[in-house]
Amino acid sequence: MTNQLASNLTCLSKENLQTAYDEMAPAYNRLLWVDQHLLGVKRMRRQLMSQATGDVLDVACGTGLNFACFGKIASLTAVDLSPEMLAIAAKEADKVGIGATLLPMDAEALIFADNSFDTVVSALSTCTFPDPIAALREMGRVCRPDGHILLLEHGRSSLRPLAHYQDRKAQAHYEKAAGCRWNQEPTALVTAAGLQIVLVQRARFGIFSIIQAATN
């Protein structure tokens, strides 16, 4: 029911999504302040992204909020649909002293060869991809067989009253929040993409999920 509700939302085109995030880029970190600091997303982000190793791909990297959370890695490639978000991410990479290759790219059509990365990460992204299953399949395709896929996502609450509220307001939230489907179930999307879920931790009313996945 949840995924069906989400799929029935009026979808923004990728061009409109890019424009929306280009316009949002200068204020993006401020818009995430409540989630980051009051809802614990910064802590969850650090907990998950610190596990990245080897050659790392950050999909839909946004303004580069994951960068400061990485430990010792071999290389970092980061992609996003929005050039304006990438411009801010480049400054963040310089700020934290991490070398990164930043590329404008559609998460649903990554240009990389199969098995290119040891770790693929993404945060708060599957809610916005027009076809999240296609994007997750691409993450699995470019991840090496013994690699890791690390996802920090939000979706439908495990508390029934809050979940029902999300369902009722899904379309309005989608239009207000630049294409965010807040009542999707991230773990269902990961499974539908053919990835193996290794670990799931849910927090904050069951809205946020830390997901560790692998290719089958």
Protein backbone atom coordinates (compact mmCIF):
# COMPACT_ATOMS: atom_id res chain seq x y z
CA MET A 1 0.00 0.00 0.00
CA THR A 2 2.74 2.46 0.94
CA ASN A 3 4.78 2.02 -2.22
CA GLN A 4 1.61 2.10 -4.28
CA LEU A 5 0.64 5.40 -2.68
CA ALA A 6 4.10 6.77 -3.35
CA SER A 7 4.10 5.65 -6.98
CA ASN A 8 0.78 7.43 -7.58
CA LEU A 9 2.22 10.83 -6.72
CA THR A 10 2.43 13.38 -9.49
CA CYS A 11 6.09 13.16 -10.48
CA LEU A 12 8.49 15.98 -11.17
CA SER A 13 10.65 15.54 -14.24
CA LYS A 14 14.40 15.19 -13.76
CA GLU A 15 14.83 18.59 -15.35
CA ASN A 16 12.46 20.11 -12.80
CA LEU A 17 14.21 18.28 -9.97
CA GLN A 18 17.58 19.59 -11.11
CA THR A 19 16.20 23.13 -11.28
CA ALA A 20 14.61 22.80 -7.84
CA TYR A 21 17.83 21.59 -6.23
CA ASP A 22 19.95 24.15 -8.09
CA GLU A 23 17.74 26.86 -6.60
CA MET A 24 17.71 25.24 -3.16
CA ALA A 25 21.47 24.65 -2.98
CA PRO A 26 22.53 27.87 -1.18
CA ALA A 27 19.99 27.26 1.62
CA TYR A 28 20.09 23.45 1.66
CA ASN A 29 22.21 22.97 4.77
CA ARG A 30 20.04 25.44 6.70
CA LEU A 31 16.90 23.61 5.58
CA LEU A 32 18.34 20.37 6.98
CA TRP A 33 19.32 21.89 10.33
CA VAL A 34 16.39 20.44 12.30
CA ASP A 35 16.90 16.95 10.85
CA GLN A 36 20.66 17.12 11.29
CA HIS A 37 20.80 18.41 14.83
CA LEU A 38 17.44 17.84 16.55
CA LEU A 39 16.43 14.54 14.93
CA GLY A 40 19.90 13.05 15.13
CA VAL A 41 20.61 12.69 11.42
CA LYS A 42 24.15 14.06 11.82
CA ARG A 43 24.95 11.35 14.37
CA MET A 44 23.38 8.62 12.23
CA ARG A 45 25.25 9.92 9.18
CA ARG A 46 28.56 9.79 11.04
CA GLN A 47 27.83 6.31 12.42
CA LEU A 48 27.11 4.88 8.98
CA MET A 49 29.51 6.71 6.71
CA SER A 50 32.49 6.03 8.97
CA GLN A 51 32.20 2.41 7.83
CA ALA A 52 33.04 3.28 4.21
CA THR A 53 36.33 1.83 2.98
CA GLY A 54 38.39 1.63 -0.22
CA ASP A 55 37.18 3.36 -3.37
CA VAL A 56 33.95 5.13 -2.39
CA LEU A 57 31.07 6.42 -4.53
CA ASP A 58 28.68 8.94 -2.94
CA VAL A 59 25.44 8.96 -4.95
CA ALA A 60 23.29 12.11 -4.79
CA CYS A 61 25.96 13.67 -2.60
CA GLY A 62 24.17 17.01 -2.37
CA THR A 63 26.28 19.60 -0.57
CA GLY A 64 28.77 16.99 0.63
CA LEU A 65 27.48 16.46 4.16
CA ASN A 66 28.81 12.89 4.11
CA PHE A 67 32.38 13.94 3.36
CA ALA A 68 33.40 14.85 6.91
CA CYS A 69 32.09 11.48 8.13
CA PHE A 70 34.41 9.31 6.04
CA GLY A 71 37.41 7.77 7.73
CA LYS A 72 40.49 6.60 5.87
CA ILE A 73 39.40 5.77 2.32
CA ALA A 74 41.35 5.19 -0.87
CA SER A 75 39.36 7.53 -3.12
CA LEU A 76 36.09 9.42 -3.27
CA THR A 77 33.85 9.96 -6.29
CA ALA A 78 30.68 11.95 -5.70
CA VAL A 79 27.80 12.52 -8.11
CA ASP A 80 24.63 14.60 -8.06
CA LEU A 81 21.99 15.72 -10.53
CA SER A 82 22.43 19.36 -9.48
CA PRO A 83 25.57 21.28 -10.57
CA GLU A 84 24.86 23.93 -7.93
CA MET A 85 24.83 21.32 -5.16
CA LEU A 86 28.11 19.92 -6.52
CA ALA A 87 29.68 23.38 -6.42
CA ILE A 88 28.98 23.56 -2.69
CA ALA A 89 30.14 19.96 -2.25
CA ALA A 90 33.47 20.90 -3.83
CA LYS A 91 33.95 23.59 -1.19
CA GLU A 92 33.06 21.08 1.53
CA ALA A 93 35.64 18.63 0.19
CA ASP A 94 38.29 21.35 0.36
CA LYS A 95 37.16 22.32 3.85
CA VAL A 96 37.49 18.80 5.28
CA GLY A 97 40.66 18.08 3.31
CA ILE A 98 39.41 15.17 1.26
CA GLY A 99 40.27 14.71 -2.41
CA ALA A 100 37.11 14.07 -4.43
CA THR A 101 36.10 13.67 -8.06
CA LEU A 102 32.75 15.47 -8.41
CA LEU A 103 30.57 14.73 -11.43
CA PRO A 104 27.05 15.82 -12.50
CA MET A 105 25.18 12.58 -13.07
CA ASP A 106 21.78 10.88 -13.01
CA ALA A 107 21.75 8.25 -10.24
CA GLU A 108 19.54 6.05 -12.42
CA ALA A 109 22.17 5.92 -15.20
CA LEU A 110 25.63 5.91 -13.64
CA ILE A 111 28.42 6.04 -16.23
CA PHE A 112 30.78 3.79 -14.26
CA ALA A 113 31.71 0.25 -15.21
CA ASP A 114 30.41 -2.73 -13.26
CA ASN A 115 32.21 -3.48 -9.98
CA SER A 116 34.00 -0.11 -9.84
CA PHE A 117 33.72 0.71 -6.11
CA ASP A 118 34.34 -0.94 -2.76
CA THR A 119 31.66 1.12 -1.02
CA VAL A 120 28.62 2.92 -2.42
CA VAL A 121 26.86 5.37 -0.10
CA SER A 122 23.81 7.58 -0.33
CA ALA A 123 21.89 9.65 2.20
CA LEU A 124 18.29 10.89 2.11
CA SER A 125 18.05 10.23 -1.61
CA THR A 126 15.72 7.35 -2.50
CA CYS A 127 12.74 9.48 -1.48
CA THR A 128 13.55 11.86 -4.34
CA PHE A 129 14.71 9.64 -7.21
CA PRO A 130 11.93 9.39 -9.84
CA ASP A 131 12.73 5.67 -10.07
CA PRO A 132 14.42 4.71 -6.79
CA ILE A 133 14.58 1.01 -7.66
CA ALA A 134 16.52 1.79 -10.85
CA ALA A 135 18.93 3.99 -8.87
CA LEU A 136 19.46 1.28 -6.25
CA ARG A 137 20.10 -1.29 -8.98
CA GLU A 138 22.74 1.03 -10.41
CA MET A 139 24.36 1.28 -6.97
CA GLY A 140 24.44 -2.49 -6.82
CA ARG A 141 25.85 -2.76 -10.35
CA VAL A 142 28.83 -0.50 -9.68
CA CYS A 143 29.58 -2.01 -6.25
CA ARG A 144 32.13 -4.82 -6.14
CA PRO A 145 30.80 -8.25 -5.14
CA ASP A 146 32.52 -8.10 -1.73
CA GLY A 147 31.68 -4.42 -1.26
CA HIS A 148 29.16 -2.54 0.84
CA ILE A 149 26.17 -0.31 0.09
CA LEU A 150 25.46 2.12 2.95
CA LEU A 151 22.16 4.01 2.96
CA LEU A 152 20.72 6.57 5.36
CA GLU A 153 17.08 7.04 4.41
CA HIS A 154 13.78 8.28 5.73
CA GLY A 155 10.32 6.98 5.00
CA ARG A 156 7.00 5.86 6.41
CA SER A 157 6.91 5.86 10.19
CA SER A 158 6.49 2.63 12.15
CA LEU A 159 3.96 4.49 14.34
CA ARG A 160 0.52 4.04 12.79
CA PRO A 161 -0.95 7.51 13.49
CA LEU A 162 2.15 9.25 12.10
CA ALA A 163 2.27 6.88 9.11
CA HIS A 164 -1.37 7.62 8.28
CA TYR A 165 -0.64 11.34 8.49
CA GLN A 166 2.27 10.88 6.06
CA ASP A 167 -0.02 9.01 3.67
CA ARG A 168 -2.67 11.73 3.79
CA LYS A 169 -0.16 14.52 3.22
CA ALA A 170 2.10 12.69 0.76
CA GLN A 171 1.18 14.70 -2.34
CA ALA A 172 1.32 18.06 -0.59
CA HIS A 173 4.71 17.21 0.93
CA TYR A 174 6.00 15.99 -2.43
CA GLU A 175 5.13 19.31 -4.05
CA LYS A 176 6.46 21.40 -1.16
CA ALA A 177 9.70 19.47 -0.57
CA ALA A 178 11.08 19.23 -4.12
CA GLY A 179 9.93 15.72 -4.93
CA CYS A 180 10.31 14.02 -1.53
CA ARG A 181 8.16 10.89 -1.14
CA TRP A 182 8.10 10.72 2.63
CA ASN A 183 5.85 7.65 2.88
CA GLN A 184 7.98 5.18 0.96
CA GLU A 185 9.49 2.17 2.74
CA PRO A 186 13.25 2.23 2.06
CA THR A 187 13.87 -1.41 2.93
CA ALA A 188 11.16 -2.52 0.50
CA LEU A 189 12.84 -0.53 -2.26
CA VAL A 190 16.24 -2.05 -1.47
CA THR A 191 14.78 -5.56 -1.63
CA ALA A 192 12.88 -4.79 -4.84
CA ALA A 193 16.15 -3.64 -6.41
CA GLY A 194 17.60 -7.11 -5.83
CA LEU A 195 20.01 -6.09 -3.09
CA GLN A 196 20.61 -8.11 0.06
CA ILE A 197 19.87 -6.31 3.32
CA VAL A 198 22.60 -7.03 5.85
CA LEU A 199 21.46 -4.75 8.68
CA VAL A 200 18.69 -2.25 9.39
CA GLN A 201 18.43 0.17 12.30
CA ARG A 202 15.39 2.41 12.62
CA ALA A 203 15.20 5.57 14.71
CA ARG A 204 13.10 8.65 15.45
CA PHE A 205 9.58 7.20 15.38
CA GLY A 206 10.73 4.65 12.83
CA ILE A 207 11.12 7.35 10.19
CA PHE A 208 14.88 7.17 9.67
CA SER A 209 16.64 3.98 8.63
CA ILE A 210 20.32 3.06 8.57
CA ILE A 211 20.65 0.29 5.99
CA GLN A 212 23.68 -1.82 5.20
CA ALA A 213 23.21 -3.79 1.98
CA ALA A 214 25.21 -5.92 -0.43
CA THR A 215 24.88 -7.30 -3.92
CA ASN A 216 23.44 -10.81 -4.21
